[in-house]
């Protein structure tokens, strides 16, 4: 409370609890356990993203009204917003693909989105500031130095993300030193940077660099991805239905 982060803490806790509760609920629905059923109005299935949007609006608008009145009520509205955000992010893949891919391979995007939100909120709770932003000393030189550091860190973060290093780029926003190797080292083979600069079909294909990127992907990245998917499926259930896109192509 002394740091003024109580609302952020309530948002953080509500986000995690709501996500875990939602995943338990949908897994029980999928297993057809007891009275757990989808919410339907007639023949229309109401996805929980709808409730998430409503709660996010209620929590956000109420927070604007009470932020300067009571920190306790502000924390309550932040918790409501956290519940709404969890429900929305849990169906992020549905919003992205504009059709229900909840249990398909593409549905893992939703879990990734929730994990990113939890990680970023946790770093903010620790007091870290994005892009190394700090208050300047009030002098013109200090202001320009602060602006320069922010711009450099932002450029490094953009390059890192374009190279396909999502987690390095996101965590690097708060720990900028991670952005230096992320921006310098070789891009992942499926990243936009690779498609632009050295993959087959780019302006200047570089087979040697592409082969090195693929070897690194197979040796280092694939085991990490398998471990991440195993943990995600432990938390959120198996996304094992065949892709709709593959079925359509066939």
C-alpha atoms as a PDB file:
ATOM      1  CA  UNK A   1       0.000   0.000   0.000  1.00  0.00           C
ATOM      2  CA  UNK A   2       2.892   2.368   0.703  1.00  0.00           C
ATOM      3  CA  UNK A   3       4.066   2.061  -2.902  1.00  0.00           C
ATOM      4  CA  UNK A   4       0.602   2.849  -4.271  1.00  0.00           C
ATOM      5  CA  UNK A   5       0.471  -0.487  -6.105  1.00  0.00           C
ATOM      6  CA  UNK A   6      -2.496  -2.002  -4.255  1.00  0.00           C
ATOM      7  CA  UNK A   7      -4.848  -1.642  -7.289  1.00  0.00           C
ATOM      8  CA  UNK A   8      -2.223  -3.232  -9.540  1.00  0.00           C
ATOM      9  CA  UNK A   9      -1.769  -6.076  -7.034  1.00  0.00           C
ATOM     10  CA  UNK A  10      -5.538  -6.673  -6.923  1.00  0.00           C
ATOM     11  CA  UNK A  11      -5.645  -6.703 -10.720  1.00  0.00           C
ATOM     12  CA  UNK A  12      -2.734  -9.181 -10.775  1.00  0.00           C
ATOM     13  CA  UNK A  13      -4.323 -11.582  -8.278  1.00  0.00           C
ATOM     14  CA  UNK A  14      -7.770 -11.354  -9.895  1.00  0.00           C
ATOM     15  CA  UNK A  15      -6.271 -12.016 -13.342  1.00  0.00           C
ATOM     16  CA  UNK A  16      -4.537 -15.204 -12.178  1.00  0.00           C
ATOM     17  CA  UNK A  17      -7.438 -16.541 -10.094  1.00  0.00           C
ATOM     18  CA  UNK A  18     -10.034 -15.806 -12.785  1.00  0.00           C
ATOM     19  CA  UNK A  19      -7.908 -17.494 -15.460  1.00  0.00           C
ATOM     20  CA  UNK A  20      -7.344 -20.605 -13.325  1.00  0.00           C
ATOM     21  CA  UNK A  21     -11.036 -20.786 -12.360  1.00  0.00           C
ATOM     22  CA  UNK A  22     -12.114 -20.328 -15.991  1.00  0.00           C
ATOM     23  CA  UNK A  23      -9.791 -23.076 -17.218  1.00  0.00           C
ATOM     24  CA  UNK A  24     -10.987 -25.478 -14.524  1.00  0.00           C
ATOM     25  CA  UNK A  25     -14.565 -24.700 -15.489  1.00  0.00           C
ATOM     26  CA  UNK A  26     -14.103 -25.199 -19.242  1.00  0.00           C
ATOM     27  CA  UNK A  27     -12.142 -28.412 -18.695  1.00  0.00           C
ATOM     28  CA  UNK A  28     -15.007 -29.783 -16.592  1.00  0.00           C
ATOM     29  CA  UNK A  29     -17.464 -28.702 -19.308  1.00  0.00           C
ATOM     30  CA  UNK A  30     -15.352 -30.463 -21.930  1.00  0.00           C
ATOM     31  CA  UNK A  31     -15.276 -33.616 -19.783  1.00  0.00           C
ATOM     32  CA  UNK A  32     -19.059 -33.334 -19.244  1.00  0.00           C
ATOM     33  CA  UNK A  33     -18.710 -33.506 -15.491  1.00  0.00           C
ATOM     34  CA  UNK A  34     -21.837 -32.936 -13.407  1.00  0.00           C
ATOM     35  CA  UNK A  35     -23.795 -29.745 -13.986  1.00  0.00           C
ATOM     36  CA  UNK A  36     -20.976 -27.879 -15.743  1.00  0.00           C
ATOM     37  CA  UNK A  37     -22.380 -26.740 -19.090  1.00  0.00           C
ATOM     38  CA  UNK A  38     -21.887 -23.984 -21.654  1.00  0.00           C
ATOM     39  CA  UNK A  39     -23.975 -20.839 -21.374  1.00  0.00           C
ATOM     40  CA  UNK A  40     -26.545 -20.863 -24.166  1.00  0.00           C
ATOM     41  CA  UNK A  41     -29.403 -18.569 -25.102  1.00  0.00           C
ATOM     42  CA  UNK A  42     -31.606 -20.653 -27.340  1.00  0.00           C
ATOM     43  CA  UNK A  43     -29.228 -22.108 -29.933  1.00  0.00           C
ATOM     44  CA  UNK A  44     -26.632 -19.371 -29.407  1.00  0.00           C
ATOM     45  CA  UNK A  45     -23.537 -20.224 -27.359  1.00  0.00           C
ATOM     46  CA  UNK A  46     -22.377 -17.248 -25.289  1.00  0.00           C
ATOM     47  CA  UNK A  47     -18.588 -17.268 -25.062  1.00  0.00           C
ATOM     48  CA  UNK A  48     -17.061 -16.029 -21.822  1.00  0.00           C
ATOM     49  CA  UNK A  49     -15.254 -13.282 -23.730  1.00  0.00           C
ATOM     50  CA  UNK A  50     -18.650 -11.505 -23.749  1.00  0.00           C
ATOM     51  CA  UNK A  51     -18.745 -11.454 -19.952  1.00  0.00           C
ATOM     52  CA  UNK A  52     -15.108 -10.374 -19.973  1.00  0.00           C
ATOM     53  CA  UNK A  53     -15.828  -7.343 -22.135  1.00  0.00           C
ATOM     54  CA  UNK A  54     -18.703  -6.307 -19.860  1.00  0.00           C
ATOM     55  CA  UNK A  55     -16.627  -6.702 -16.680  1.00  0.00           C
ATOM     56  CA  UNK A  56     -13.668  -4.873 -18.216  1.00  0.00           C
ATOM     57  CA  UNK A  57     -15.881  -1.926 -19.098  1.00  0.00           C
ATOM     58  CA  UNK A  58     -17.510  -1.889 -15.669  1.00  0.00           C
ATOM     59  CA  UNK A  59     -14.201  -2.141 -13.845  1.00  0.00           C
ATOM     60  CA  UNK A  60     -12.469   0.395 -16.060  1.00  0.00           C
ATOM     61  CA  UNK A  61     -15.184   3.047 -15.958  1.00  0.00           C
ATOM     62  CA  UNK A  62     -15.801   2.551 -12.225  1.00  0.00           C
ATOM     63  CA  UNK A  63     -12.062   2.857 -11.624  1.00  0.00           C
ATOM     64  CA  UNK A  64     -12.018   6.213 -13.403  1.00  0.00           C
ATOM     65  CA  UNK A  65     -14.807   7.422 -11.129  1.00  0.00           C
ATOM     66  CA  UNK A  66     -13.339   6.305  -7.786  1.00  0.00           C
ATOM     67  CA  UNK A  67      -9.570   6.577  -8.412  1.00  0.00           C
ATOM     68  CA  UNK A  68      -9.345   9.958  -6.714  1.00  0.00           C
ATOM     69  CA  UNK A  69     -11.882   9.182  -3.988  1.00  0.00           C
ATOM     70  CA  UNK A  70     -10.851   5.934  -2.307  1.00  0.00           C
ATOM     71  CA  UNK A  71      -7.876   3.665  -2.921  1.00  0.00           C
ATOM     72  CA  UNK A  72      -9.776   0.717  -1.433  1.00  0.00           C
ATOM     73  CA  UNK A  73     -12.649   1.047  -3.908  1.00  0.00           C
ATOM     74  CA  UNK A  74     -10.112   1.714  -6.650  1.00  0.00           C
ATOM     75  CA  UNK A  75      -8.511  -1.637  -5.764  1.00  0.00           C
ATOM     76  CA  UNK A  76     -11.927  -3.330  -5.959  1.00  0.00           C
ATOM     77  CA  UNK A  77     -12.560  -1.931  -9.439  1.00  0.00           C
ATOM     78  CA  UNK A  78      -9.051  -3.035 -10.472  1.00  0.00           C
ATOM     79  CA  UNK A  79      -9.932  -6.576  -9.366  1.00  0.00           C
ATOM     80  CA  UNK A  80     -13.134  -6.468 -11.437  1.00  0.00           C
ATOM     81  CA  UNK A  81     -11.079  -5.274 -14.396  1.00  0.00           C
ATOM     82  CA  UNK A  82      -8.637  -8.151 -13.793  1.00  0.00           C
ATOM     83  CA  UNK A  83     -11.447 -10.716 -13.922  1.00  0.00           C
ATOM     84  CA  UNK A  84     -12.727  -9.188 -17.153  1.00  0.00           C
ATOM     85  CA  UNK A  85      -9.238  -9.125 -18.665  1.00  0.00           C
ATOM     86  CA  UNK A  86      -8.740 -12.819 -17.823  1.00  0.00           C
ATOM     87  CA  UNK A  87     -11.996 -13.783 -19.536  1.00  0.00           C
ATOM     88  CA  UNK A  88     -11.125 -11.738 -22.630  1.00  0.00           C
ATOM     89  CA  UNK A  89      -7.532 -12.971 -22.898  1.00  0.00           C
ATOM     90  CA  UNK A  90      -8.602 -16.585 -22.363  1.00  0.00           C
ATOM     91  CA  UNK A  91     -10.415 -16.317 -25.698  1.00  0.00           C
ATOM     92  CA  UNK A  92      -7.830 -14.117 -27.382  1.00  0.00           C
ATOM     93  CA  UNK A  93      -7.373 -16.748 -30.115  1.00  0.00           C
ATOM     94  CA  UNK A  94     -11.094 -16.577 -30.913  1.00  0.00           C
ATOM     95  CA  UNK A  95     -10.814 -12.796 -31.373  1.00  0.00           C
ATOM     96  CA  UNK A  96      -7.645 -13.199 -33.449  1.00  0.00           C
ATOM     97  CA  UNK A  97      -9.006 -15.881 -35.794  1.00  0.00           C
ATOM     98  CA  UNK A  98     -12.666 -14.776 -35.664  1.00  0.00           C
ATOM     99  CA  UNK A  99     -13.857 -18.350 -35.097  1.00  0.00           C
ATOM    100  CA  UNK A 100     -13.821 -20.816 -32.238  1.00  0.00           C
ATOM    101  CA  UNK A 101     -10.356 -22.408 -31.996  1.00  0.00           C
ATOM    102  CA  UNK A 102     -10.431 -22.803 -28.222  1.00  0.00           C
ATOM    103  CA  UNK A 103      -9.263 -26.442 -28.117  1.00  0.00           C
ATOM    104  CA  UNK A 104      -7.376 -26.381 -31.406  1.00  0.00           C
ATOM    105  CA  UNK A 105      -3.647 -25.800 -31.802  1.00  0.00           C
ATOM    106  CA  UNK A 106      -4.259 -22.113 -32.508  1.00  0.00           C
ATOM    107  CA  UNK A 107      -6.004 -21.883 -29.152  1.00  0.00           C
ATOM    108  CA  UNK A 108      -2.627 -21.924 -27.389  1.00  0.00           C
ATOM    109  CA  UNK A 109      -2.349 -18.278 -28.411  1.00  0.00           C
ATOM    110  CA  UNK A 110      -4.868 -17.455 -25.709  1.00  0.00           C
ATOM    111  CA  UNK A 111      -2.738 -19.088 -23.032  1.00  0.00           C
ATOM    112  CA  UNK A 112       0.327 -17.252 -24.353  1.00  0.00           C
ATOM    113  CA  UNK A 113      -1.575 -13.953 -24.113  1.00  0.00           C
ATOM    114  CA  UNK A 114      -2.541 -14.641 -20.478  1.00  0.00           C
ATOM    115  CA  UNK A 115       1.022 -15.617 -19.568  1.00  0.00           C
ATOM    116  CA  UNK A 116       2.357 -12.423 -21.165  1.00  0.00           C
ATOM    117  CA  UNK A 117      -0.180 -10.312 -19.247  1.00  0.00           C
ATOM    118  CA  UNK A 118       0.758 -12.016 -15.965  1.00  0.00           C
ATOM    119  CA  UNK A 119       4.485 -11.594 -16.616  1.00  0.00           C
ATOM    120  CA  UNK A 120       4.224  -7.906 -17.542  1.00  0.00           C
ATOM    121  CA  UNK A 121       1.968  -7.134 -14.566  1.00  0.00           C
ATOM    122  CA  UNK A 122       4.325  -8.997 -12.240  1.00  0.00           C
ATOM    123  CA  UNK A 123       7.294  -6.958 -13.461  1.00  0.00           C
ATOM    124  CA  UNK A 124       5.337  -3.746 -12.948  1.00  0.00           C
ATOM    125  CA  UNK A 125       4.480  -4.892  -9.417  1.00  0.00           C
ATOM    126  CA  UNK A 126       8.181  -5.316  -8.695  1.00  0.00           C
ATOM    127  CA  UNK A 127       8.639  -1.642  -9.511  1.00  0.00           C
ATOM    128  CA  UNK A 128      10.354  -2.098 -12.867  1.00  0.00           C
ATOM    129  CA  UNK A 129       9.589   0.532 -15.478  1.00  0.00           C
ATOM    130  CA  UNK A 130       9.318  -0.193 -19.207  1.00  0.00           C
ATOM    131  CA  UNK A 131      12.156   0.895 -21.497  1.00  0.00           C
ATOM    132  CA  UNK A 132      14.297   1.935 -18.540  1.00  0.00           C
ATOM    133  CA  UNK A 133      12.217   5.067 -18.069  1.00  0.00           C
ATOM    134  CA  UNK A 134      13.173   7.150 -15.046  1.00  0.00           C
ATOM    135  CA  UNK A 135      12.339  10.680 -13.953  1.00  0.00           C
ATOM    136  CA  UNK A 136      14.969  13.113 -15.197  1.00  0.00           C
ATOM    137  CA  UNK A 137      16.746  15.531 -12.870  1.00  0.00           C
ATOM    138  CA  UNK A 138      14.816  18.450 -14.381  1.00  0.00           C
ATOM    139  CA  UNK A 139      17.684  19.779 -16.481  1.00  0.00           C
ATOM    140  CA  UNK A 140      17.486  19.881 -20.300  1.00  0.00           C
ATOM    141  CA  UNK A 141      20.470  17.509 -20.490  1.00  0.00           C
ATOM    142  CA  UNK A 142      18.805  15.042 -18.130  1.00  0.00           C
ATOM    143  CA  UNK A 143      15.545  15.180 -20.093  1.00  0.00           C
ATOM    144  CA  UNK A 144      17.282  14.559 -23.412  1.00  0.00           C
ATOM    145  CA  UNK A 145      19.311  11.705 -21.911  1.00  0.00           C
ATOM    146  CA  UNK A 146      16.125  10.068 -20.619  1.00  0.00           C
ATOM    147  CA  UNK A 147      14.390  10.474 -23.990  1.00  0.00           C
ATOM    148  CA  UNK A 148      17.440   9.105 -25.803  1.00  0.00           C
ATOM    149  CA  UNK A 149      17.592   6.003 -23.607  1.00  0.00           C
ATOM    150  CA  UNK A 150      13.895   5.337 -24.123  1.00  0.00           C
ATOM    151  CA  UNK A 151      14.207   5.662 -27.915  1.00  0.00           C
ATOM    152  CA  UNK A 152      17.273   3.382 -28.063  1.00  0.00           C
ATOM    153  CA  UNK A 153      15.622   0.749 -25.853  1.00  0.00           C
ATOM    154  CA  UNK A 154      12.433   0.925 -27.925  1.00  0.00           C
ATOM    155  CA  UNK A 155      14.370   0.393 -31.171  1.00  0.00           C
ATOM    156  CA  UNK A 156      16.239  -2.569 -29.650  1.00  0.00           C
ATOM    157  CA  UNK A 157      12.924  -4.027 -28.439  1.00  0.00           C
ATOM    158  CA  UNK A 158      11.360  -3.699 -31.908  1.00  0.00           C
ATOM    159  CA  UNK A 159      14.349  -5.427 -33.555  1.00  0.00           C
ATOM    160  CA  UNK A 160      14.284  -8.205 -30.942  1.00  0.00           C
ATOM    161  CA  UNK A 161      10.563  -8.803 -31.467  1.00  0.00           C
ATOM    162  CA  UNK A 162      10.954  -8.766 -35.259  1.00  0.00           C
ATOM    163  CA  UNK A 163      13.616 -11.436 -34.865  1.00  0.00           C
ATOM    164  CA  UNK A 164      10.971 -13.655 -33.281  1.00  0.00           C
ATOM    165  CA  UNK A 165      12.272 -13.466 -29.702  1.00  0.00           C
ATOM    166  CA  UNK A 166       8.970 -12.579 -28.061  1.00  0.00           C
ATOM    167  CA  UNK A 167       9.775 -13.265 -24.419  1.00  0.00           C
ATOM    168  CA  UNK A 168      13.221 -11.684 -24.653  1.00  0.00           C
ATOM    169  CA  UNK A 169      11.660  -8.588 -26.198  1.00  0.00           C
ATOM    170  CA  UNK A 170       8.879  -8.304 -23.630  1.00  0.00           C
ATOM    171  CA  UNK A 171      11.063  -8.913 -20.574  1.00  0.00           C
ATOM    172  CA  UNK A 172      13.710  -6.697 -22.148  1.00  0.00           C
ATOM    173  CA  UNK A 173      11.278  -3.798 -22.044  1.00  0.00           C
ATOM    174  CA  UNK A 174      11.770  -3.903 -18.272  1.00  0.00           C
ATOM    175  CA  UNK A 175      15.353  -5.208 -18.193  1.00  0.00           C
ATOM    176  CA  UNK A 176      16.862  -3.376 -21.196  1.00  0.00           C
ATOM    177  CA  UNK A 177      20.241  -5.131 -20.980  1.00  0.00           C
ATOM    178  CA  UNK A 178      18.535  -8.272 -22.357  1.00  0.00           C
ATOM    179  CA  UNK A 179      17.652  -6.379 -25.533  1.00  0.00           C
ATOM    180  CA  UNK A 180      21.288  -6.037 -26.607  1.00  0.00           C
ATOM    181  CA  UNK A 181      21.979  -9.752 -27.270  1.00  0.00           C
ATOM    182  CA  UNK A 182      18.376 -10.165 -28.417  1.00  0.00           C
ATOM    183  CA  UNK A 183      18.846  -7.553 -31.141  1.00  0.00           C
ATOM    184  CA  UNK A 184      22.361  -8.624 -32.133  1.00  0.00           C
ATOM    185  CA  UNK A 185      22.030 -12.389 -32.269  1.00  0.00           C
ATOM    186  CA  UNK A 186      20.676 -14.328 -35.245  1.00  0.00           C
ATOM    187  CA  UNK A 187      16.933 -14.163 -35.876  1.00  0.00           C
ATOM    188  CA  UNK A 188      14.655 -17.177 -35.564  1.00  0.00           C
ATOM    189  CA  UNK A 189      14.029 -18.897 -38.942  1.00  0.00           C
ATOM    190  CA  UNK A 190      10.285 -18.153 -39.039  1.00  0.00           C
ATOM    191  CA  UNK A 191      10.556 -14.526 -37.930  1.00  0.00           C
ATOM    192  CA  UNK A 192       9.778 -11.457 -40.077  1.00  0.00           C
ATOM    193  CA  UNK A 193      13.457 -10.454 -39.868  1.00  0.00           C
ATOM    194  CA  UNK A 194      14.529 -13.785 -41.375  1.00  0.00           C
ATOM    195  CA  UNK A 195      11.966 -13.520 -44.182  1.00  0.00           C
ATOM    196  CA  UNK A 196      13.206 -10.033 -45.010  1.00  0.00           C
ATOM    197  CA  UNK A 197      16.967 -10.561 -44.878  1.00  0.00           C
ATOM    198  CA  UNK A 198      18.210 -14.151 -45.255  1.00  0.00           C
ATOM    199  CA  UNK A 199      15.443 -16.757 -45.672  1.00  0.00           C
ATOM    200  CA  UNK A 200      14.678 -18.311 -49.088  1.00  0.00           C
ATOM    201  CA  UNK A 201      12.599 -15.835 -51.079  1.00  0.00           C
ATOM    202  CA  UNK A 202      14.044 -12.760 -49.371  1.00  0.00           C
ATOM    203  CA  UNK A 203      15.907 -10.034 -51.237  1.00  0.00           C
ATOM    204  CA  UNK A 204      19.264 -11.514 -50.324  1.00  0.00           C
ATOM    205  CA  UNK A 205      18.870 -15.207 -49.432  1.00  0.00           C
ATOM    206  CA  UNK A 206      21.670 -16.547 -47.269  1.00  0.00           C
ATOM    207  CA  UNK A 207      21.469 -20.376 -47.067  1.00  0.00           C
ATOM    208  CA  UNK A 208      24.305 -20.613 -44.532  1.00  0.00           C
ATOM    209  CA  UNK A 209      22.710 -18.177 -42.114  1.00  0.00           C
ATOM    210  CA  UNK A 210      19.317 -19.820 -42.561  1.00  0.00           C
ATOM    211  CA  UNK A 211      20.788 -23.275 -41.866  1.00  0.00           C
ATOM    212  CA  UNK A 212      22.469 -21.937 -38.725  1.00  0.00           C
ATOM    213  CA  UNK A 213      19.182 -20.415 -37.537  1.00  0.00           C
ATOM    214  CA  UNK A 214      17.363 -23.729 -38.115  1.00  0.00           C
ATOM    215  CA  UNK A 215      20.047 -25.659 -36.216  1.00  0.00           C
ATOM    216  CA  UNK A 216      19.759 -23.283 -33.265  1.00  0.00           C
ATOM    217  CA  UNK A 217      15.974 -23.589 -33.375  1.00  0.00           C
ATOM    218  CA  UNK A 218      16.110 -27.372 -33.263  1.00  0.00           C
ATOM    219  CA  UNK A 219      18.826 -27.566 -30.630  1.00  0.00           C
ATOM    220  CA  UNK A 220      17.777 -24.859 -28.181  1.00  0.00           C
ATOM    221  CA  UNK A 221      14.342 -23.502 -28.972  1.00  0.00           C
ATOM    222  CA  UNK A 222      12.352 -26.687 -29.597  1.00  0.00           C
ATOM    223  CA  UNK A 223      13.022 -28.238 -26.156  1.00  0.00           C
ATOM    224  CA  UNK A 224      12.004 -24.970 -24.487  1.00  0.00           C
ATOM    225  CA  UNK A 225       8.807 -24.818 -26.565  1.00  0.00           C
ATOM    226  CA  UNK A 226       7.947 -28.427 -25.678  1.00  0.00           C
ATOM    227  CA  UNK A 227       8.454 -27.678 -21.985  1.00  0.00           C
ATOM    228  CA  UNK A 228       6.311 -24.541 -22.266  1.00  0.00           C
ATOM    229  CA  UNK A 229       3.510 -26.422 -24.036  1.00  0.00           C
ATOM    230  CA  UNK A 230       3.631 -29.197 -21.413  1.00  0.00           C
ATOM    231  CA  UNK A 231       3.251 -26.639 -18.622  1.00  0.00           C
ATOM    232  CA  UNK A 232       0.482 -24.789 -20.473  1.00  0.00           C
ATOM    233  CA  UNK A 233      -1.453 -28.000 -21.037  1.00  0.00           C
ATOM    234  CA  UNK A 234      -1.036 -28.916 -17.375  1.00  0.00           C
ATOM    235  CA  UNK A 235      -2.664 -25.599 -16.464  1.00  0.00           C
ATOM    236  CA  UNK A 236      -5.159 -25.116 -19.274  1.00  0.00           C
ATOM    237  CA  UNK A 237      -5.841 -28.532 -20.811  1.00  0.00           C
ATOM    238  CA  UNK A 238      -4.781 -30.142 -24.079  1.00  0.00           C
ATOM    239  CA  UNK A 239      -5.321 -28.242 -27.306  1.00  0.00           C
ATOM    240  CA  UNK A 240      -5.494 -31.409 -29.358  1.00  0.00           C
ATOM    241  CA  UNK A 241      -8.308 -30.858 -31.857  1.00  0.00           C
ATOM    242  CA  UNK A 242      -7.208 -30.706 -35.507  1.00  0.00           C
ATOM    243  CA  UNK A 243      -6.837 -27.247 -36.967  1.00  0.00           C
ATOM    244  CA  UNK A 244      -9.864 -25.901 -38.832  1.00  0.00           C
ATOM    245  CA  UNK A 245      -7.566 -24.454 -41.479  1.00  0.00           C
ATOM    246  CA  UNK A 246      -6.034 -27.874 -42.155  1.00  0.00           C
ATOM    247  CA  UNK A 247      -9.468 -29.488 -42.383  1.00  0.00           C
ATOM    248  CA  UNK A 248     -10.598 -26.781 -44.815  1.00  0.00           C
ATOM    249  CA  UNK A 249      -7.526 -27.246 -47.040  1.00  0.00           C
ATOM    250  CA  UNK A 250      -8.013 -31.008 -47.118  1.00  0.00           C
END
